[in-house]
Amino acid sequence: MTALSNEDSPVYIRLRATIAAAILRGDYRAGDQLPSVRALAAEHGANPLTVAKAYQSFQDEDYVEVRRGVGMFVLPGAVERLRLAERETFVQHQWPRIRGYIELLGLDLADLMAERV
């Protein structure tokens, strides 16, 4: 899974990307509680089952734990492990497409990095 998604991605992937970005930004740190399924669904206009599916992916990958009757919490070390996983996904799957598009448009990577396009 990846923090970068596009409009063509399934809703749960886009929600997962939103949550992953929030964790990586530090909006949610180790020990912090994530918004409830219902709250996140209402915030994003999504079906609660779709939000639950996005959250389940974080649980399956041991980034969060569920405390029955309390909520979902970010586990210690999750930020670092998530960052490594997202980097690997980016380098293997997204960077080749981005690099190809840069080349197709005749853009200079150094200029892009300096924001002088």
N, C-alpha and C. Protein backbone atom coordinates (compact mmCIF):
# COMPACT_ATOMS: atom_id res chain seq x y z
N MET A 1 0.85 -1.19 0.00
CA MET A 1 0.00 0.00 0.00
C MET A 1 0.89 1.24 0.00
N THR A 2 0.33 2.31 -0.40
CA THR A 2 1.14 3.51 -0.54
C THR A 2 0.40 4.76 -0.10
N ALA A 3 1.17 5.70 0.41
CA ALA A 3 0.58 6.97 0.81
C ALA A 3 0.21 7.81 -0.38
N LEU A 4 0.81 7.54 -1.52
CA LEU A 4 0.45 8.26 -2.72
C LEU A 4 -0.61 7.47 -3.45
N SER A 5 -1.72 8.10 -3.68
CA SER A 5 -2.77 7.44 -4.44
C SER A 5 -3.31 8.43 -5.45
N ASN A 6 -4.14 7.93 -6.33
CA ASN A 6 -4.72 8.84 -7.31
C ASN A 6 -6.23 8.68 -7.30
N GLU A 7 -6.86 9.52 -8.08
CA GLU A 7 -8.32 9.55 -8.13
C GLU A 7 -8.91 8.21 -8.60
N ASP A 8 -8.12 7.43 -9.33
CA ASP A 8 -8.61 6.16 -9.85
C ASP A 8 -8.52 5.02 -8.83
N SER A 9 -7.85 5.28 -7.71
CA SER A 9 -7.70 4.25 -6.68
C SER A 9 -9.03 4.00 -5.99
N PRO A 10 -9.24 2.78 -5.50
CA PRO A 10 -10.44 2.52 -4.71
C PRO A 10 -10.48 3.45 -3.48
N VAL A 11 -11.68 3.72 -3.00
CA VAL A 11 -11.85 4.66 -1.88
C VAL A 11 -11.05 4.22 -0.66
N TYR A 12 -11.05 2.93 -0.34
CA TYR A 12 -10.33 2.50 0.85
C TYR A 12 -8.82 2.74 0.71
N ILE A 13 -8.29 2.66 -0.50
CA ILE A 13 -6.87 2.95 -0.73
C ILE A 13 -6.61 4.44 -0.52
N ARG A 14 -7.51 5.29 -1.00
CA ARG A 14 -7.35 6.73 -0.80
C ARG A 14 -7.45 7.09 0.68
N LEU A 15 -8.38 6.44 1.39
CA LEU A 15 -8.49 6.69 2.82
C LEU A 15 -7.25 6.21 3.55
N ARG A 16 -6.75 5.05 3.14
CA ARG A 16 -5.53 4.53 3.76
C ARG A 16 -4.38 5.50 3.54
N ALA A 17 -4.29 6.05 2.35
CA ALA A 17 -3.23 7.01 2.04
C ALA A 17 -3.36 8.26 2.91
N THR A 18 -4.57 8.71 3.14
CA THR A 18 -4.81 9.87 3.99
C THR A 18 -4.36 9.59 5.43
N ILE A 19 -4.71 8.44 5.93
CA ILE A 19 -4.33 8.05 7.29
C ILE A 19 -2.82 7.89 7.39
N ALA A 20 -2.22 7.21 6.40
CA ALA A 20 -0.78 7.01 6.41
C ALA A 20 -0.05 8.35 6.40
N ALA A 21 -0.50 9.27 5.58
CA ALA A 21 0.13 10.59 5.52
C ALA A 21 0.02 11.30 6.87
N ALA A 22 -1.12 11.18 7.53
CA ALA A 22 -1.30 11.81 8.84
C ALA A 22 -0.35 11.21 9.87
N ILE A 23 -0.16 9.90 9.82
CA ILE A 23 0.78 9.25 10.74
C ILE A 23 2.20 9.70 10.43
N LEU A 24 2.56 9.73 9.16
CA LEU A 24 3.92 10.13 8.77
C LEU A 24 4.20 11.60 9.07
N ARG A 25 3.19 12.45 8.99
CA ARG A 25 3.35 13.88 9.34
C ARG A 25 3.48 14.09 10.84
N GLY A 26 3.08 13.10 11.61
CA GLY A 26 3.12 13.25 13.06
C GLY A 26 1.81 13.70 13.65
N ASP A 27 0.75 13.72 12.85
CA ASP A 27 -0.57 14.06 13.39
C ASP A 27 -1.00 13.02 14.42
N TYR A 28 -0.59 11.77 14.20
CA TYR A 28 -0.84 10.69 15.14
C TYR A 28 0.49 10.04 15.45
N ARG A 29 0.86 10.05 16.70
CA ARG A 29 2.14 9.47 17.15
C ARG A 29 1.88 8.15 17.88
N ALA A 30 2.95 7.46 18.21
CA ALA A 30 2.81 6.21 18.95
C ALA A 30 1.98 6.45 20.20
N GLY A 31 0.98 5.62 20.39
CA GLY A 31 0.10 5.74 21.54
C GLY A 31 -1.14 6.58 21.31
N ASP A 32 -1.14 7.35 20.22
CA ASP A 32 -2.30 8.20 19.92
C ASP A 32 -3.45 7.37 19.37
N GLN A 33 -4.65 7.81 19.69
CA GLN A 33 -5.85 7.16 19.18
C GLN A 33 -6.24 7.75 17.84
N LEU A 34 -6.54 6.88 16.90
CA LEU A 34 -7.04 7.32 15.59
C LEU A 34 -8.52 7.67 15.73
N PRO A 35 -9.04 8.50 14.82
CA PRO A 35 -10.47 8.80 14.85
C PRO A 35 -11.29 7.51 14.71
N SER A 36 -12.46 7.50 15.28
CA SER A 36 -13.32 6.33 15.16
C SER A 36 -13.69 6.12 13.69
N VAL A 37 -14.10 4.91 13.39
CA VAL A 37 -14.53 4.59 12.03
C VAL A 37 -15.65 5.53 11.60
N ARG A 38 -16.61 5.73 12.47
CA ARG A 38 -17.75 6.59 12.13
C ARG A 38 -17.32 8.04 11.94
N ALA A 39 -16.44 8.53 12.79
CA ALA A 39 -15.99 9.92 12.67
C ALA A 39 -15.23 10.13 11.37
N LEU A 40 -14.32 9.20 11.03
CA LEU A 40 -13.55 9.34 9.79
C LEU A 40 -14.46 9.21 8.57
N ALA A 41 -15.43 8.30 8.66
CA ALA A 41 -16.38 8.13 7.54
C ALA A 41 -17.17 9.41 7.33
N ALA A 42 -17.64 10.02 8.39
CA ALA A 42 -18.40 11.26 8.27
C ALA A 42 -17.53 12.39 7.73
N GLU A 43 -16.29 12.46 8.20
CA GLU A 43 -15.37 13.51 7.75
C GLU A 43 -15.09 13.43 6.26
N HIS A 44 -15.00 12.21 5.74
CA HIS A 44 -14.63 12.01 4.34
C HIS A 44 -15.81 11.62 3.45
N GLY A 45 -17.01 11.58 4.02
CA GLY A 45 -18.18 11.21 3.24
C GLY A 45 -18.09 9.79 2.70
N ALA A 46 -17.52 8.91 3.50
CA ALA A 46 -17.32 7.53 3.07
C ALA A 46 -18.21 6.58 3.86
N ASN A 47 -18.37 5.39 3.34
CA ASN A 47 -19.09 4.34 4.02
C ASN A 47 -18.24 3.85 5.19
N PRO A 48 -18.81 3.67 6.39
CA PRO A 48 -18.02 3.15 7.52
C PRO A 48 -17.33 1.82 7.23
N LEU A 49 -17.94 0.97 6.41
CA LEU A 49 -17.29 -0.30 6.08
C LEU A 49 -16.01 -0.08 5.26
N THR A 50 -16.02 0.97 4.45
CA THR A 50 -14.84 1.30 3.66
C THR A 50 -13.72 1.80 4.57
N VAL A 51 -14.08 2.63 5.53
CA VAL A 51 -13.10 3.11 6.51
C VAL A 51 -12.55 1.94 7.31
N ALA A 52 -13.44 1.04 7.72
CA ALA A 52 -13.02 -0.13 8.49
C ALA A 52 -12.02 -0.97 7.69
N LYS A 53 -12.23 -1.07 6.39
CA LYS A 53 -11.31 -1.83 5.53
C LYS A 53 -9.94 -1.14 5.48
N ALA A 54 -9.92 0.18 5.39
CA ALA A 54 -8.66 0.92 5.40
C ALA A 54 -7.94 0.72 6.74
N TYR A 55 -8.68 0.84 7.84
CA TYR A 55 -8.10 0.64 9.16
C TYR A 55 -7.59 -0.79 9.34
N GLN A 56 -8.33 -1.75 8.79
CA GLN A 56 -7.92 -3.15 8.92
C GLN A 56 -6.54 -3.38 8.30
N SER A 57 -6.23 -2.67 7.22
CA SER A 57 -4.92 -2.84 6.59
C SER A 57 -3.81 -2.39 7.54
N PHE A 58 -4.06 -1.34 8.32
CA PHE A 58 -3.06 -0.89 9.30
C PHE A 58 -2.92 -1.90 10.44
N GLN A 59 -4.03 -2.48 10.83
CA GLN A 59 -4.01 -3.50 11.87
C GLN A 59 -3.27 -4.74 11.37
N ASP A 60 -3.55 -5.16 10.14
CA ASP A 60 -2.90 -6.34 9.57
C ASP A 60 -1.39 -6.17 9.47
N GLU A 61 -0.96 -4.93 9.26
CA GLU A 61 0.47 -4.65 9.10
C GLU A 61 1.12 -4.23 10.43
N ASP A 62 0.39 -4.37 11.52
CA ASP A 62 0.89 -4.08 12.88
C ASP A 62 1.36 -2.64 13.07
N TYR A 63 0.64 -1.71 12.45
CA TYR A 63 0.90 -0.29 12.70
C TYR A 63 -0.01 0.24 13.80
N VAL A 64 -1.13 -0.42 14.00
CA VAL A 64 -2.10 -0.01 15.02
C VAL A 64 -2.59 -1.23 15.78
N GLU A 65 -3.15 -0.97 16.95
CA GLU A 65 -3.80 -2.04 17.72
C GLU A 65 -5.19 -1.57 18.09
N VAL A 66 -6.10 -2.53 18.18
CA VAL A 66 -7.46 -2.23 18.58
C VAL A 66 -7.60 -2.59 20.06
N ARG A 67 -8.10 -1.63 20.80
CA ARG A 67 -8.43 -1.88 22.21
C ARG A 67 -9.95 -1.93 22.27
N ARG A 68 -10.45 -3.13 22.47
CA ARG A 68 -11.90 -3.35 22.44
C ARG A 68 -12.64 -2.37 23.32
N GLY A 69 -13.63 -1.73 22.71
CA GLY A 69 -14.46 -0.80 23.44
C GLY A 69 -13.83 0.57 23.63
N VAL A 70 -12.58 0.73 23.19
CA VAL A 70 -11.88 2.00 23.38
C VAL A 70 -11.56 2.66 22.05
N GLY A 71 -10.90 1.90 21.16
CA GLY A 71 -10.55 2.46 19.87
C GLY A 71 -9.29 1.85 19.30
N MET A 72 -8.75 2.53 18.30
CA MET A 72 -7.57 2.07 17.58
C MET A 72 -6.42 3.03 17.88
N PHE A 73 -5.25 2.46 18.20
CA PHE A 73 -4.11 3.25 18.64
C PHE A 73 -2.86 2.92 17.83
N VAL A 74 -2.06 3.94 17.55
CA VAL A 74 -0.81 3.77 16.81
C VAL A 74 0.19 3.07 17.71
N LEU A 75 0.81 2.02 17.19
CA LEU A 75 1.79 1.25 17.96
C LEU A 75 3.17 1.90 17.95
N PRO A 76 3.96 1.67 19.00
CA PRO A 76 5.35 2.15 18.99
C PRO A 76 6.10 1.57 17.80
N GLY A 77 6.91 2.39 17.15
CA GLY A 77 7.70 1.97 16.00
C GLY A 77 6.94 1.98 14.69
N ALA A 78 5.62 2.23 14.75
CA ALA A 78 4.81 2.20 13.53
C ALA A 78 5.23 3.26 12.53
N VAL A 79 5.56 4.44 13.01
CA VAL A 79 5.92 5.54 12.09
C VAL A 79 7.15 5.16 11.28
N GLU A 80 8.17 4.65 11.95
CA GLU A 80 9.40 4.29 11.26
C GLU A 80 9.18 3.15 10.27
N ARG A 81 8.43 2.14 10.69
CA ARG A 81 8.16 0.99 9.80
C ARG A 81 7.27 1.40 8.63
N LEU A 82 6.30 2.25 8.89
CA LEU A 82 5.43 2.74 7.82
C LEU A 82 6.22 3.57 6.82
N ARG A 83 7.11 4.44 7.33
CA ARG A 83 7.93 5.26 6.44
C ARG A 83 8.80 4.38 5.54
N LEU A 84 9.42 3.35 6.09
CA LEU A 84 10.24 2.44 5.29
C LEU A 84 9.40 1.72 4.23
N ALA A 85 8.23 1.26 4.61
CA ALA A 85 7.36 0.56 3.66
C ALA A 85 6.89 1.50 2.56
N GLU A 86 6.54 2.73 2.92
CA GLU A 86 6.09 3.70 1.93
C GLU A 86 7.23 4.09 0.98
N ARG A 87 8.43 4.23 1.52
CA ARG A 87 9.59 4.54 0.66
C ARG A 87 9.82 3.42 -0.36
N GLU A 88 9.77 2.18 0.12
CA GLU A 88 10.00 1.05 -0.77
C GLU A 88 8.93 1.00 -1.87
N THR A 89 7.70 1.20 -1.50
CA THR A 89 6.61 1.21 -2.48
C THR A 89 6.80 2.33 -3.48
N PHE A 90 7.17 3.50 -3.00
CA PHE A 90 7.38 4.64 -3.89
C PHE A 90 8.49 4.35 -4.89
N VAL A 91 9.63 3.89 -4.39
CA VAL A 91 10.79 3.65 -5.26
C VAL A 91 10.51 2.54 -6.27
N GLN A 92 9.82 1.50 -5.86
CA GLN A 92 9.58 0.37 -6.76
C GLN A 92 8.42 0.58 -7.73
N HIS A 93 7.37 1.29 -7.28
CA HIS A 93 6.16 1.33 -8.10
C HIS A 93 5.83 2.71 -8.66
N GLN A 94 6.06 3.74 -7.90
CA GLN A 94 5.64 5.05 -8.37
C GLN A 94 6.75 5.85 -9.03
N TRP A 95 7.94 5.78 -8.47
CA TRP A 95 9.03 6.55 -9.05
C TRP A 95 9.28 6.20 -10.52
N PRO A 96 9.27 4.94 -10.93
CA PRO A 96 9.49 4.65 -12.36
C PRO A 96 8.46 5.35 -13.26
N ARG A 97 7.19 5.39 -12.83
CA ARG A 97 6.17 6.08 -13.64
C ARG A 97 6.40 7.59 -13.64
N ILE A 98 6.75 8.13 -12.49
CA ILE A 98 7.00 9.57 -12.39
C ILE A 98 8.22 9.95 -13.22
N ARG A 99 9.29 9.16 -13.10
CA ARG A 99 10.50 9.41 -13.87
C ARG A 99 10.20 9.36 -15.37
N GLY A 100 9.41 8.37 -15.78
CA GLY A 100 9.06 8.26 -17.18
C GLY A 100 8.27 9.47 -17.66
N TYR A 101 7.38 9.98 -16.83
CA TYR A 101 6.59 11.15 -17.20
C TYR A 101 7.48 12.39 -17.27
N ILE A 102 8.42 12.51 -16.37
CA ILE A 102 9.38 13.62 -16.39
C ILE A 102 10.16 13.59 -17.71
N GLU A 103 10.61 12.41 -18.08
CA GLU A 103 11.36 12.27 -19.33
C GLU A 103 10.47 12.57 -20.54
N LEU A 104 9.25 12.08 -20.52
CA LEU A 104 8.31 12.31 -21.61
C LEU A 104 8.07 13.81 -21.84
N LEU A 105 7.99 14.56 -20.74
CA LEU A 105 7.75 16.00 -20.84
C LEU A 105 9.02 16.81 -21.07
N GLY A 106 10.16 16.14 -21.06
CA GLY A 106 11.42 16.84 -21.28
C GLY A 106 11.80 17.76 -20.13
N LEU A 107 11.38 17.40 -18.94
CA LEU A 107 11.70 18.22 -17.77
C LEU A 107 13.08 17.85 -17.24
N ASP A 108 13.73 18.80 -16.62
CA ASP A 108 15.03 18.57 -16.02
C ASP A 108 14.84 18.32 -14.53
N LEU A 109 15.31 17.17 -14.04
CA LEU A 109 15.13 16.80 -12.65
C LEU A 109 15.75 17.82 -11.71
N ALA A 110 16.91 18.33 -12.05
CA ALA A 110 17.56 19.33 -11.19
C ALA A 110 16.70 20.59 -11.07
N ASP A 111 16.10 21.00 -12.19
CA ASP A 111 15.20 22.17 -12.15
C ASP A 111 13.96 21.88 -11.29
N LEU A 112 13.44 20.68 -11.44
CA LEU A 112 12.28 20.31 -10.63
C LEU A 112 12.62 20.34 -9.15
N MET A 113 13.76 19.80 -8.82
CA MET A 113 14.18 19.77 -7.42
C MET A 113 14.41 21.17 -6.87
N ALA A 114 14.82 22.08 -7.73
CA ALA A 114 15.05 23.47 -7.31
C ALA A 114 13.77 24.30 -7.46
N GLU A 115 12.69 23.67 -7.97
CA GLU A 115 11.40 24.33 -8.19
C GLU A 115 11.52 25.53 -9.13
N ARG A 116 12.26 25.34 -10.23
CA ARG A 116 12.45 26.42 -11.20
C ARG A 116 11.85 26.07 -12.55
N VAL A 117 10.84 25.26 -12.58
CA VAL A 117 10.26 24.83 -13.86
C VAL A 117 9.55 25.99 -14.52
